[in-house]
Amino acid sequence: MAELKPVNADTLAGRHWTSPQHYGFAADWGAIPLSLAEVYPIASVMPVGFVKKRGHCVPVAIAGQQPARNLFVGPKGQWLGRLVPQALRIHPFQLVKTGDERFVLCVDTDSPCLVAPPASLPFFVEGEASGPLLEILEALKQREADIRGPLAQACAAIEKEGLFEPWPLSFQQENGETVQYNGVYRINSERLNSLNVAELARLYQAQALPLIYAHRLSTYHLHLLNRLAKAHGLGRKEVDLEQLFGEEDDDLTFGS
């Protein structure tokens, strides 16, 4: 569990951080939240589905065959895909909503990204937020504006037209065992194909059509999860991780 604390000069004076050098912190992220802006590039390299958050469907990158296992993270924390979702790249920072509807920049103080200088970035310089910290804050503000604005609008339009349906994802491992990924939603193809001009126009105006088609195209990447599960040795009794994930692991950076 992340230990999130507000970023301020009183508690973080003299502290430094670095961008993630490995992604072990996300090893149990079987679903990675996406903004609308990154759905399209991520959909070109990973399967994208939807999960319920506060009762409404939002897009996620599907990173595993089960919700609590991220197959794109190798045993040494290396990322095995072509693109790293922003939620991972921006670690250890988050915007946290307060009771009065404001957002506060927080940092995971238990993260290995908090390191000593010199190969690191300062939180504050002479009591003022450093340039890199301000860049992180601006990136998070843009992400939050996307999620609360265009993304929320697009997902609401899809929901209004009755296009979301449960996605019965299941995968067969090498030992023949079937594993289920529950709680994921997809676009109902039959309902999509039956939309009339007015319904399509509403989706177009809400910027929902690109999201729909990015999701549908991304489903062709589901095979990557089978390849990654096989590489991790899931379903085998004995696995030589050094052999599977040694220096010669470039062929695991899947792009299609």
Protein backbone atom coordinates (compact mmCIF):
# COMPACT_ATOMS: atom_id res chain seq x y z
CA MET A 1 0.00 0.00 0.00
CA ALA A 2 1.44 3.39 -1.04
CA GLU A 3 2.21 5.82 1.77
CA LEU A 4 0.98 9.04 0.13
CA LYS A 5 1.93 12.31 1.75
CA PRO A 6 1.41 15.89 0.53
CA VAL A 7 4.39 17.44 -1.21
CA ASN A 8 5.53 20.47 0.76
CA ALA A 9 8.79 22.13 1.70
CA ASP A 10 8.37 21.36 5.41
CA THR A 11 8.47 17.58 5.00
CA LEU A 12 10.51 17.19 1.81
CA ALA A 13 13.19 19.88 2.12
CA GLY A 14 16.47 18.32 1.03
CA ARG A 15 14.77 15.19 -0.38
CA HIS A 16 15.30 13.99 -3.94
CA TRP A 17 13.59 11.61 -6.35
CA THR A 18 14.15 9.96 -9.71
CA SER A 19 11.90 8.63 -12.44
CA PRO A 20 11.16 4.89 -12.13
CA GLN A 21 14.15 2.76 -13.05
CA HIS A 22 12.04 -0.38 -12.73
CA TYR A 23 8.34 -1.14 -12.34
CA GLY A 24 8.20 -3.66 -9.54
CA PHE A 25 5.75 -1.36 -7.72
CA ALA A 26 3.21 -2.14 -10.47
CA ALA A 27 3.62 -5.93 -10.39
CA ASP A 28 0.05 -6.34 -9.13
CA TRP A 29 -1.50 -3.80 -11.52
CA GLY A 30 -3.46 -6.10 -13.81
CA ALA A 31 -5.40 -3.05 -15.03
CA ILE A 32 -3.68 0.30 -15.57
CA PRO A 33 -5.84 3.47 -15.67
CA LEU A 34 -5.65 5.53 -18.86
CA SER A 35 -6.46 9.08 -19.86
CA LEU A 36 -8.27 9.71 -23.14
CA ALA A 37 -5.13 11.16 -24.70
CA GLU A 38 -3.11 7.97 -24.14
CA VAL A 39 -5.80 5.43 -25.04
CA TYR A 40 -4.86 5.57 -28.72
CA PRO A 41 -1.08 4.94 -28.44
CA ILE A 42 -1.53 2.33 -25.69
CA ALA A 43 -4.22 0.55 -27.73
CA SER A 44 -1.62 0.07 -30.47
CA VAL A 45 0.51 -2.12 -28.20
CA MET A 46 -1.72 -3.46 -25.38
CA PRO A 47 -5.31 -4.64 -24.99
CA VAL A 48 -7.64 -1.95 -23.65
CA GLY A 49 -10.88 -2.64 -21.81
CA PHE A 50 -13.10 -0.88 -19.28
CA VAL A 51 -13.65 -1.28 -15.54
CA LYS A 52 -16.20 0.26 -13.21
CA LYS A 53 -15.00 3.18 -11.08
CA ARG A 54 -17.55 4.89 -8.85
CA GLY A 55 -20.25 3.14 -10.84
CA HIS A 56 -19.05 4.25 -14.30
CA CYS A 57 -16.88 2.53 -16.89
CA VAL A 58 -13.41 3.95 -17.55
CA PRO A 59 -10.67 2.66 -19.89
CA VAL A 60 -7.72 0.62 -18.65
CA ALA A 61 -4.78 -1.13 -20.22
CA ILE A 62 -5.20 -4.84 -19.53
CA ALA A 63 -1.77 -5.94 -18.33
CA GLY A 64 -2.50 -9.43 -17.03
CA GLN A 65 -4.69 -12.49 -17.20
CA GLN A 66 -5.99 -11.69 -13.72
CA PRO A 67 -6.64 -8.37 -11.96
CA ALA A 68 -3.74 -8.65 -9.49
CA ARG A 69 -0.95 -9.72 -11.86
CA ASN A 70 0.89 -7.47 -14.31
CA LEU A 71 2.56 -9.69 -16.89
CA PHE A 72 4.33 -6.74 -18.51
CA VAL A 73 6.58 -6.43 -15.45
CA GLY A 74 9.53 -8.84 -15.52
CA PRO A 75 11.06 -10.47 -12.44
CA LYS A 76 13.70 -7.73 -12.23
CA GLY A 77 11.10 -4.99 -12.61
CA GLN A 78 11.82 -4.40 -16.30
CA TRP A 79 8.95 -3.33 -18.55
CA LEU A 80 8.35 -5.92 -21.25
CA GLY A 81 6.22 -3.78 -23.57
CA ARG A 82 6.85 -1.05 -26.12
CA LEU A 83 5.08 1.81 -24.30
CA VAL A 84 4.85 2.48 -20.57
CA PRO A 85 1.47 3.94 -19.49
CA GLN A 86 1.64 7.40 -17.94
CA ALA A 87 0.33 6.22 -14.55
CA LEU A 88 3.55 4.21 -14.21
CA ARG A 89 5.90 6.78 -15.71
CA ILE A 90 4.68 9.51 -13.36
CA HIS A 91 5.21 7.38 -10.23
CA PRO A 92 5.73 8.14 -7.31
CA PHE A 93 3.40 11.14 -7.66
CA GLN A 94 -0.40 11.36 -7.57
CA LEU A 95 -3.04 14.06 -7.33
CA VAL A 96 -5.26 13.27 -4.35
CA LYS A 97 -8.75 14.72 -4.02
CA THR A 98 -9.53 16.37 -0.69
CA GLY A 99 -12.87 16.70 1.07
CA ASP A 100 -13.38 20.21 -0.28
CA GLU A 101 -13.06 19.05 -3.92
CA ARG A 102 -9.48 20.30 -4.29
CA PHE A 103 -6.52 18.26 -5.50
CA VAL A 104 -3.23 18.03 -3.64
CA LEU A 105 0.05 16.81 -5.11
CA CYS A 106 1.19 13.79 -3.09
CA VAL A 107 4.16 11.44 -3.24
CA ASP A 108 4.60 7.82 -2.19
CA THR A 109 7.25 8.25 0.50
CA ASP A 110 7.90 4.48 0.58
CA SER A 111 8.78 4.39 -3.11
CA PRO A 112 12.31 3.38 -4.14
CA CYS A 113 12.16 6.41 -6.45
CA LEU A 114 12.98 8.59 -3.44
CA VAL A 115 16.77 8.49 -3.55
CA ALA A 116 19.83 10.42 -2.48
CA PRO A 117 21.66 12.89 -4.74
CA PRO A 118 23.52 13.40 -7.03
CA ALA A 119 21.76 11.21 -9.63
CA SER A 120 18.33 12.53 -8.67
CA LEU A 121 16.02 15.55 -8.77
CA PRO A 122 15.29 17.87 -5.82
CA PHE A 123 11.74 18.45 -4.64
CA PHE A 124 12.55 22.00 -3.55
CA VAL A 125 15.32 24.51 -4.19
CA GLU A 126 15.70 27.26 -1.60
CA GLY A 127 12.18 26.62 -0.36
CA GLU A 128 10.56 26.81 -3.82
CA ALA A 129 9.26 23.94 -5.93
CA SER A 130 11.93 22.79 -8.37
CA GLY A 131 11.45 22.96 -12.12
CA PRO A 132 11.09 19.17 -12.48
CA LEU A 133 8.51 19.10 -9.68
CA LEU A 134 6.48 21.82 -11.41
CA GLU A 135 6.62 19.79 -14.63
CA ILE A 136 5.23 16.75 -12.79
CA LEU A 137 2.46 18.87 -11.29
CA GLU A 138 1.51 20.29 -14.70
CA ALA A 139 1.45 16.81 -16.27
CA LEU A 140 -0.82 15.53 -13.50
CA LYS A 141 -3.12 18.55 -13.81
CA GLN A 142 -3.46 17.95 -17.56
CA ARG A 143 -4.13 14.27 -16.95
CA GLU A 144 -6.80 15.02 -14.34
CA ALA A 145 -8.45 17.60 -16.64
CA ASP A 146 -8.55 14.96 -19.40
CA ILE A 147 -10.04 12.31 -17.10
CA ARG A 148 -12.66 14.60 -15.56
CA GLY A 149 -13.48 16.33 -18.86
CA PRO A 150 -13.18 14.70 -22.33
CA LEU A 151 -12.76 11.15 -21.03
CA ALA A 152 -15.73 11.37 -18.66
CA GLN A 153 -17.83 12.86 -21.47
CA ALA A 154 -16.89 10.11 -23.92
CA CYS A 155 -17.53 7.29 -21.44
CA ALA A 156 -20.85 8.79 -20.38
CA ALA A 157 -21.97 8.94 -24.02
CA ILE A 158 -21.01 5.28 -24.57
CA GLU A 159 -22.91 4.29 -21.44
CA LYS A 160 -25.95 6.33 -22.47
CA GLU A 161 -26.18 4.45 -25.76
CA GLY A 162 -26.07 1.10 -23.92
CA LEU A 163 -22.79 -0.04 -25.47
CA PHE A 164 -20.96 -1.44 -22.45
CA GLU A 165 -21.28 -5.13 -21.64
CA PRO A 166 -19.34 -7.55 -19.36
CA TRP A 167 -16.29 -9.01 -21.08
CA PRO A 168 -15.90 -12.71 -20.20
CA LEU A 169 -12.11 -12.89 -20.39
CA SER A 170 -10.53 -16.29 -19.78
CA PHE A 171 -7.08 -17.65 -20.58
CA GLN A 172 -5.70 -21.17 -20.73
CA GLN A 173 -2.26 -21.72 -19.22
CA GLU A 174 0.32 -24.29 -20.28
CA ASN A 175 -0.86 -26.87 -17.74
CA GLY A 176 -4.39 -26.65 -19.12
CA GLU A 177 -5.71 -24.59 -16.21
CA THR A 178 -8.16 -21.82 -17.15
CA VAL A 179 -7.87 -18.48 -15.37
CA GLN A 180 -10.58 -15.82 -15.37
CA TYR A 181 -10.26 -12.04 -15.47
CA ASN A 182 -13.51 -10.76 -13.97
CA GLY A 183 -14.93 -7.26 -13.77
CA VAL A 184 -13.89 -6.08 -17.24
CA TYR A 185 -16.25 -4.54 -19.81
CA ARG A 186 -16.15 -4.20 -23.58
CA ILE A 187 -18.17 -2.59 -26.36
CA ASN A 188 -21.20 -4.61 -27.45
CA SER A 189 -20.58 -5.22 -31.16
CA GLU A 190 -24.20 -6.02 -31.98
CA ARG A 191 -25.44 -2.83 -30.34
CA LEU A 192 -22.67 -0.78 -32.01
CA ASN A 193 -23.60 -2.09 -35.45
CA SER A 194 -27.27 -1.24 -34.87
CA LEU A 195 -26.72 2.45 -34.02
CA ASN A 196 -28.65 4.93 -36.13
CA VAL A 197 -27.34 8.22 -37.52
CA ALA A 198 -28.52 10.29 -34.55
CA GLU A 199 -26.90 7.92 -32.04
CA LEU A 200 -23.64 7.90 -33.96
CA ALA A 201 -23.73 11.68 -34.12
CA ARG A 202 -24.05 11.91 -30.34
CA LEU A 203 -21.07 9.62 -29.89
CA TYR A 204 -19.09 11.65 -32.41
CA GLN A 205 -19.86 14.91 -30.64
CA ALA A 206 -18.75 13.41 -27.32
CA GLN A 207 -15.40 12.26 -28.85
CA ALA A 208 -16.42 8.69 -28.03
CA LEU A 209 -16.01 7.04 -31.44
CA PRO A 210 -12.18 7.08 -31.44
CA LEU A 211 -12.24 5.55 -27.95
CA ILE A 212 -14.62 2.82 -29.11
CA TYR A 213 -12.56 1.88 -32.14
CA ALA A 214 -9.25 2.06 -30.28
CA HIS A 215 -10.65 -0.44 -27.78
CA ARG A 216 -11.94 -2.75 -30.51
CA LEU A 217 -8.64 -2.75 -32.40
CA SER A 218 -6.69 -3.31 -29.19
CA THR A 219 -8.41 -6.64 -28.59
CA TYR A 220 -6.09 -8.14 -31.20
CA HIS A 221 -3.30 -7.74 -28.62
CA LEU A 222 -4.85 -10.20 -26.19
CA HIS A 223 -2.48 -12.84 -27.56
CA LEU A 224 0.38 -10.91 -25.95
CA LEU A 225 -0.96 -11.90 -22.54
CA ASN A 226 -0.69 -15.56 -23.50
CA ARG A 227 2.87 -15.07 -24.73
CA LEU A 228 3.85 -13.19 -21.58
CA ALA A 229 2.24 -15.79 -19.32
CA LYS A 230 4.21 -18.47 -21.14
CA ALA A 231 7.42 -16.43 -20.77
CA HIS A 232 6.77 -16.03 -17.04
CA GLY A 233 6.35 -19.78 -16.83
CA LEU A 234 2.80 -19.66 -15.52
CA GLY A 235 1.33 -23.13 -15.41
CA ARG A 236 4.72 -24.86 -15.21
CA LYS A 237 6.01 -26.78 -12.22
CA GLU A 238 9.61 -25.61 -12.63
CA VAL A 239 10.75 -22.31 -14.14
CA ASP A 240 14.30 -21.01 -14.75
CA LEU A 241 13.70 -17.25 -14.51
CA GLU A 242 17.30 -16.44 -15.36
CA GLN A 243 16.94 -18.31 -18.62
CA LEU A 244 13.57 -16.70 -19.38
CA PHE A 245 14.49 -13.16 -18.39
CA GLY A 246 18.24 -12.87 -18.69
CA GLU A 247 20.14 -10.37 -20.77
CA GLU A 248 18.70 -11.85 -23.97
CA ASP A 249 15.11 -10.70 -23.40
CA ASP A 250 14.71 -8.21 -26.24
CA ASP A 251 12.24 -10.48 -28.03
CA LEU A 252 9.77 -9.94 -25.18
CA THR A 253 9.24 -6.28 -26.08
CA PHE A 254 6.12 -7.00 -28.09
CA GLY A 255 4.82 -4.45 -30.55
CA SER A 256 2.02 -6.32 -32.25
